[in-house]
Amino acid sequence: MKNKVFNTLAILLLIFGSAKGQKSQNHFAADSAATVWKKSSLKNWLTHYQFEGFYAPFESSQVVNVLVVDLNDPASRIAFVATRPADSLSATAQKTANAIAGINGTYYEIMRNKKNPKDSVSSSFFKSADKVATEVTVPEGHRLFWKHEGAFYYDSENQSSGIIYGDNKTYKDLPYANAVSGSPMLIFDYKPVGETFAKQREEPLDSLNYEDPDRHQGVRHPRTAVARTENNHILLITVDGRAKQAAGMSAKELTQFIRRWFNPKDALNLDGGGSTTMWIKDSKVSRTGVINYPTDDKTFDHYGQRMIRNSLIVTSER
């Protein structure tokens, strides 16, 4: 009897220990799907994954790009870049020292009075190299208040990073050099919270105000997101949309897609729509280095970049 109990416990420990180990390892489901994902190594610590084609679970064509940054390598860095005035991602990256790749950042501030910038309101928090570029100043109840549900923080001093829930005070108090807010939270401690962020309504979601969170996150759009694994790998993700070749995703679909192929511990949605852009240095896909299909020119090509005010740029220390 004692041997049976011992053997049962041993088996359970083996099962749960293996499951925990699977969460922490470097292998992703995308690595085992060579016919689905194209994978290329940009650096020993930087990998690019690309999905392009019909995705049966969503019954739609999708184009998804993912950069995986291994922050355990001391050469890896992520620069949080605030741009004033706004500029394209490719131009911003080309001005950033040792830039290798990058994505657009988060939502912009909204001007209430163009003649008096002091009357502007900001929907997002952005801190770069210990300097706060924008704070959340939208009052509670404002139609944009939902846009800062979580934040991604990073400090190159000890390669620390994380994704948390919070508010403007929480983000200001973070003892890290860089932080960017976003919304919605897609995955938190492996829980797919983004699946239920957008609520079903009696009226069609497309009939709601564009900034209504249920419409904004409940219908398909281009998306940009950042995610983090237990072992400090950062995923920078773009999903193209608004085209026959790339339908885009809702927040629920993006959550499910990220979990299916990469299963990160946490994931946070950033600014999407026309802002969604990914750039890779020396890419032969386009003359600008943009590899996805930005939509601001309403053409399915690589040249419809929007002028953006912040970005996350992958750089190399050596």
Protein backbone atom coordinates (compact mmCIF):
# COMPACT_ATOMS: atom_id res chain seq x y z
CA MET A 1 0.00 0.00 0.00
CA LYS A 2 2.81 2.36 0.92
CA ASN A 3 4.57 1.58 -2.35
CA LYS A 4 1.37 2.32 -4.30
CA VAL A 5 0.96 5.70 -2.58
CA PHE A 6 4.62 6.51 -3.14
CA ASN A 7 4.42 5.57 -6.81
CA THR A 8 1.25 7.64 -7.29
CA LEU A 9 2.87 10.69 -5.69
CA ALA A 10 5.97 10.22 -7.80
CA ILE A 11 3.89 10.09 -10.98
CA LEU A 12 1.94 13.22 -9.99
CA LEU A 13 5.15 15.10 -9.22
CA LEU A 14 6.56 14.04 -12.55
CA ILE A 15 3.45 15.20 -14.42
CA PHE A 16 3.13 18.57 -12.68
CA GLY A 17 6.87 19.12 -12.71
CA SER A 18 6.96 18.47 -16.44
CA ALA A 19 4.01 20.83 -17.01
CA LYS A 20 5.78 23.58 -15.10
CA GLY A 21 8.95 22.95 -17.05
CA GLN A 22 7.05 23.22 -20.32
CA LYS A 23 5.87 26.68 -19.36
CA SER A 24 9.44 27.83 -18.76
CA GLN A 25 11.21 26.27 -21.72
CA ASN A 26 12.19 28.14 -24.88
CA HIS A 27 10.12 25.97 -27.20
CA PHE A 28 6.89 27.40 -28.65
CA ALA A 29 4.12 25.56 -30.47
CA ALA A 30 5.05 27.68 -33.50
CA ASP A 31 8.46 25.94 -33.55
CA SER A 32 6.75 22.62 -34.33
CA ALA A 33 4.68 24.00 -37.20
CA ALA A 34 7.17 24.69 -39.98
CA THR A 35 4.44 24.45 -42.61
CA VAL A 36 2.47 27.15 -40.79
CA TRP A 37 5.17 29.47 -39.48
CA LYS A 38 8.27 30.81 -41.23
CA LYS A 39 11.06 31.25 -38.69
CA SER A 40 14.32 33.16 -39.05
CA SER A 41 17.09 34.08 -36.64
CA LEU A 42 18.09 37.76 -36.70
CA LYS A 43 20.49 37.39 -33.76
CA ASN A 44 21.28 34.57 -31.34
CA TRP A 45 18.76 36.24 -29.03
CA LEU A 46 16.28 37.61 -31.59
CA THR A 47 13.95 35.44 -33.66
CA HIS A 48 11.32 36.43 -36.22
CA TYR A 49 8.21 34.30 -36.78
CA GLN A 50 5.74 34.93 -39.58
CA PHE A 51 2.32 33.43 -40.27
CA GLU A 52 0.67 34.23 -43.60
CA GLY A 53 -2.33 32.35 -44.93
CA PHE A 54 -5.77 31.02 -44.09
CA TYR A 55 -6.37 30.39 -40.39
CA ALA A 56 -9.15 27.84 -40.07
CA PRO A 57 -10.17 28.50 -36.42
CA PHE A 58 -11.10 32.08 -37.39
CA GLU A 59 -12.22 31.20 -40.94
CA SER A 60 -10.14 34.07 -42.31
CA SER A 61 -6.83 34.93 -43.89
CA GLN A 62 -4.30 36.32 -41.43
CA VAL A 63 -0.83 37.88 -41.52
CA VAL A 64 0.98 37.80 -38.18
CA ASN A 65 4.57 38.75 -37.34
CA VAL A 66 6.23 38.02 -34.01
CA LEU A 67 9.66 39.12 -32.76
CA VAL A 68 10.98 37.11 -29.79
CA VAL A 69 13.65 38.90 -27.77
CA ASP A 70 15.62 36.85 -25.25
CA LEU A 71 16.42 39.31 -22.46
CA ASN A 72 18.60 36.70 -20.79
CA ASP A 73 21.28 37.59 -23.33
CA PRO A 74 23.21 40.68 -22.13
CA ALA A 75 23.47 41.99 -25.69
CA SER A 76 19.70 42.36 -26.09
CA ARG A 77 18.01 45.70 -25.46
CA ILE A 78 14.62 47.32 -26.03
CA ALA A 79 14.53 51.10 -26.50
CA PHE A 80 11.32 52.90 -25.63
CA VAL A 81 11.32 55.84 -28.05
CA ALA A 82 9.02 58.88 -27.77
CA THR A 83 8.89 60.93 -30.97
CA ARG A 84 7.99 64.62 -31.12
CA PRO A 85 6.77 65.50 -33.66
CA ALA A 86 5.23 62.24 -34.76
CA ASP A 87 7.18 60.23 -37.33
CA SER A 88 7.01 56.86 -39.07
CA LEU A 89 8.35 53.76 -37.36
CA SER A 90 10.98 53.20 -40.05
CA ALA A 91 12.31 56.76 -39.76
CA THR A 92 12.33 56.52 -35.96
CA ALA A 93 14.19 53.20 -36.04
CA GLN A 94 16.77 54.49 -38.47
CA LYS A 95 17.55 57.32 -36.05
CA THR A 96 17.88 54.93 -33.09
CA ALA A 97 21.41 53.72 -32.37
CA ASN A 98 22.03 50.01 -33.02
CA ALA A 99 18.40 49.41 -34.04
CA ILE A 100 17.62 45.94 -35.40
CA ALA A 101 13.82 45.70 -35.36
CA GLY A 102 10.77 47.34 -33.82
CA ILE A 103 7.04 47.86 -33.56
CA ASN A 104 4.74 50.81 -33.01
CA GLY A 105 3.90 51.72 -29.42
CA THR A 106 0.70 52.63 -27.66
CA TYR A 107 -2.26 55.01 -27.97
CA TYR A 108 -1.59 58.74 -28.40
CA GLU A 109 -2.73 61.71 -26.36
CA ILE A 110 -5.90 63.39 -27.64
CA MET A 111 -5.91 67.18 -28.05
CA ARG A 112 -8.98 68.97 -26.71
CA ASN A 113 -7.77 72.37 -27.79
CA LYS A 114 -5.18 72.61 -30.56
CA LYS A 115 -4.59 76.28 -29.80
CA ASN A 116 -3.75 75.51 -26.20
CA PRO A 117 -1.78 72.26 -25.78
CA LYS A 118 -2.10 72.55 -22.00
CA ASP A 119 -5.74 71.59 -22.44
CA SER A 120 -4.83 68.27 -24.04
CA VAL A 121 -5.64 64.95 -22.45
CA SER A 122 -3.56 61.81 -22.62
CA SER A 123 -4.98 58.29 -22.75
CA SER A 124 -1.64 56.58 -22.12
CA PHE A 125 1.50 56.42 -20.03
CA PHE A 126 4.92 56.33 -21.68
CA LYS A 127 8.26 56.49 -19.92
CA SER A 128 11.59 56.30 -21.70
CA ALA A 129 15.08 56.21 -20.14
CA ASP A 130 13.71 57.41 -16.78
CA LYS A 131 11.86 60.33 -18.39
CA VAL A 132 8.05 60.37 -18.45
CA ALA A 133 6.89 61.48 -21.91
CA THR A 134 3.14 61.23 -21.31
CA GLU A 135 0.92 60.53 -18.32
CA VAL A 136 -2.68 59.40 -18.21
CA THR A 137 -4.74 62.55 -17.75
CA VAL A 138 -8.14 61.39 -19.00
CA PRO A 139 -10.62 61.58 -16.12
CA GLU A 140 -12.51 58.49 -15.00
CA GLY A 141 -15.67 58.17 -17.06
CA HIS A 142 -13.99 59.65 -20.16
CA ARG A 143 -14.56 57.56 -23.30
CA LEU A 144 -10.79 56.92 -23.50
CA PHE A 145 -10.27 55.98 -19.86
CA TRP A 146 -10.20 52.24 -20.66
CA LYS A 147 -7.00 52.56 -22.71
CA HIS A 148 -4.45 52.18 -19.88
CA GLU A 149 -5.57 48.98 -18.16
CA GLY A 150 -2.05 47.53 -17.98
CA ALA A 151 1.59 48.37 -18.61
CA PHE A 152 4.77 46.71 -19.85
CA TYR A 153 7.90 47.79 -17.98
CA TYR A 154 11.56 47.19 -18.76
CA ASP A 155 14.96 48.16 -17.38
CA SER A 156 18.19 47.35 -19.22
CA GLU A 157 20.30 47.71 -16.07
CA ASN A 158 19.37 44.19 -14.98
CA GLN A 159 17.21 43.14 -17.96
CA SER A 160 14.12 43.12 -15.74
CA SER A 161 10.68 43.23 -17.31
CA GLY A 162 7.04 42.58 -16.55
CA ILE A 163 3.41 43.25 -17.43
CA ILE A 164 1.06 44.50 -14.72
CA TYR A 165 -2.38 45.96 -14.12
CA GLY A 166 -2.45 49.51 -12.80
CA ASP A 167 -3.21 53.19 -13.21
CA ASN A 168 -1.21 56.36 -13.77
CA LYS A 169 0.08 56.42 -10.17
CA THR A 170 1.08 52.76 -10.35
CA TYR A 171 3.07 53.38 -13.53
CA LYS A 172 4.71 56.56 -12.20
CA ASP A 173 5.84 54.69 -9.08
CA LEU A 174 7.49 51.87 -11.01
CA PRO A 175 11.25 51.77 -10.26
CA TYR A 176 12.08 50.96 -13.88
CA ALA A 177 13.53 53.16 -16.61
CA ASN A 178 10.88 52.34 -19.22
CA ALA A 179 7.14 51.72 -19.15
CA VAL A 180 4.30 51.81 -21.64
CA SER A 181 0.61 51.39 -20.88
CA GLY A 182 -1.91 49.63 -23.07
CA SER A 183 -5.30 47.95 -23.12
CA PRO A 184 -6.81 45.50 -22.92
CA MET A 185 -4.79 43.03 -20.94
CA LEU A 186 -4.93 39.90 -23.09
CA ILE A 187 -3.27 37.31 -20.86
CA PHE A 188 -2.41 37.67 -17.18
CA ASP A 189 -0.64 34.89 -15.30
CA TYR A 190 -1.70 32.52 -18.09
CA LYS A 191 -5.38 33.50 -17.74
CA PRO A 192 -6.97 34.57 -21.09
CA VAL A 193 -8.61 37.72 -19.71
CA GLY A 194 -8.71 39.31 -23.17
CA GLU A 195 -11.35 36.83 -24.26
CA THR A 196 -14.00 38.58 -22.17
CA PHE A 197 -12.87 42.23 -22.32
CA ALA A 198 -15.31 43.23 -25.08
CA LYS A 199 -18.93 42.59 -24.12
CA GLN A 200 -21.75 41.62 -26.44
CA ARG A 201 -24.35 44.35 -26.89
CA GLU A 202 -27.91 44.38 -28.19
CA GLU A 203 -26.96 46.78 -30.97
CA PRO A 204 -24.36 45.78 -33.60
CA LEU A 205 -20.85 46.62 -32.36
CA ASP A 206 -20.09 48.46 -35.62
CA SER A 207 -22.88 50.92 -34.80
CA LEU A 208 -21.23 52.06 -31.56
CA ASN A 209 -18.85 54.98 -31.18
CA TYR A 210 -15.46 53.97 -32.57
CA GLU A 211 -13.79 54.52 -29.18
CA ASP A 212 -16.33 52.42 -27.30
CA PRO A 213 -14.22 49.59 -25.84
CA ASP A 214 -16.72 46.92 -26.90
CA ARG A 215 -16.54 48.04 -30.52
CA HIS A 216 -12.83 48.91 -30.45
CA GLN A 217 -11.85 45.50 -29.14
CA GLY A 218 -14.84 43.40 -30.17
CA VAL A 219 -14.45 43.64 -33.96
CA ARG A 220 -11.53 42.76 -36.20
CA HIS A 221 -8.76 45.30 -36.69
CA PRO A 222 -5.01 45.30 -37.18
CA ARG A 223 -3.45 44.71 -33.75
CA THR A 224 -0.14 45.29 -31.98
CA ALA A 225 0.74 43.58 -28.71
CA VAL A 226 3.60 42.84 -26.34
CA ALA A 227 3.90 39.61 -24.36
CA ARG A 228 6.30 38.06 -21.86
CA THR A 229 7.20 34.48 -20.99
CA GLU A 230 8.16 33.18 -17.55
CA ASN A 231 11.80 33.02 -18.59
CA ASN A 232 12.05 36.67 -19.70
CA HIS A 233 11.47 36.35 -23.42
CA ILE A 234 9.61 39.35 -24.85
CA LEU A 235 7.26 38.94 -27.80
CA LEU A 236 6.52 41.93 -30.04
CA ILE A 237 3.48 41.09 -32.15
CA THR A 238 1.68 42.63 -35.13
CA VAL A 239 -1.50 41.38 -36.79
CA ASP A 240 -2.46 42.91 -40.13
CA GLY A 241 -6.04 43.65 -41.12
CA ARG A 242 -8.58 45.53 -43.22
CA ALA A 243 -7.74 43.49 -46.30
CA LYS A 244 -8.94 40.31 -48.02
CA GLN A 245 -5.48 38.83 -47.42
CA ALA A 246 -5.46 39.84 -43.75
CA ALA A 247 -8.76 40.10 -41.87
CA GLY A 248 -7.34 41.28 -38.53
CA MET A 249 -8.49 40.04 -35.15
CA SER A 250 -10.65 41.02 -32.22
CA ALA A 251 -9.08 41.12 -28.76
CA LYS A 252 -10.64 37.72 -28.06
CA GLU A 253 -9.15 36.21 -31.22
CA LEU A 254 -5.73 37.75 -30.57
CA THR A 255 -5.75 36.30 -27.06
CA GLN A 256 -6.59 32.85 -28.39
CA PHE A 257 -4.03 33.07 -31.19
CA ILE A 258 -1.17 34.12 -28.88
CA ARG A 259 -2.00 31.37 -26.37
CA ARG A 260 -2.24 28.72 -29.08
CA TRP A 261 1.16 29.38 -30.60
CA PHE A 262 3.31 31.02 -27.88
CA ASN A 263 1.54 30.59 -24.52
CA PRO A 264 3.16 33.57 -22.75
CA LYS A 265 2.63 34.27 -19.08
CA ASP A 266 1.29 37.78 -19.80
CA ALA A 267 0.27 39.76 -22.88
CA LEU A 268 -0.91 43.35 -23.37
CA ASN A 269 -2.60 45.01 -26.35
CA LEU A 270 -1.03 48.25 -27.63
CA ASP A 271 -2.20 50.68 -30.33
CA GLY A 272 -3.48 48.96 -33.45
CA GLY A 273 -5.45 49.93 -36.54
CA GLY A 274 -3.49 52.16 -38.86
CA SER A 275 -0.66 52.37 -36.33
CA THR A 276 0.21 48.66 -36.52
CA THR A 277 3.71 48.44 -38.00
CA MET A 278 6.76 46.17 -37.77
CA TRP A 279 10.22 47.12 -39.03
CA ILE A 280 13.32 44.95 -39.48
CA LYS A 281 16.70 46.35 -40.46
CA ASP A 282 17.97 45.41 -43.93
CA SER A 283 14.74 43.63 -44.73
CA LYS A 284 14.37 42.96 -48.45
CA VAL A 285 10.59 43.02 -48.19
CA SER A 286 10.41 46.79 -48.70
CA ARG A 287 12.75 49.72 -49.24
CA THR A 288 11.78 51.15 -45.83
CA GLY A 289 12.34 47.92 -43.88
CA VAL A 290 8.64 47.63 -42.99
CA ILE A 291 7.65 43.97 -43.27
CA ASN A 292 3.94 44.02 -42.42
CA TYR A 293 1.07 45.72 -44.25
CA PRO A 294 0.23 49.08 -42.62
CA THR A 295 -3.18 50.38 -43.68
CA ASP A 296 -3.00 54.17 -43.73
CA ASP A 297 -2.66 54.22 -47.54
CA LYS A 298 -5.66 51.87 -47.83
CA THR A 299 -3.52 49.63 -50.04
CA PHE A 300 -2.24 46.15 -49.25
CA ASP A 301 1.44 47.04 -49.41
CA HIS A 302 4.30 47.90 -47.05
CA TYR A 303 4.15 51.68 -47.46
CA GLY A 304 1.06 52.84 -45.58
CA GLN A 305 2.87 53.87 -42.40
CA ARG A 306 1.11 56.18 -39.97
CA MET A 307 3.00 58.91 -38.15
CA ILE A 308 3.31 57.61 -34.60
CA ARG A 309 4.47 59.16 -31.32
CA ASN A 310 6.10 56.21 -29.58
CA SER A 311 7.63 52.87 -30.43
CA LEU A 312 9.50 49.87 -29.05
CA ILE A 313 12.82 49.39 -30.84
CA VAL A 314 14.97 46.29 -30.41
CA THR A 315 18.64 47.27 -30.23
CA SER A 316 21.92 45.46 -29.68
CA GLU A 317 24.44 46.32 -27.00
CA ARG A 318 27.21 44.92 -29.22
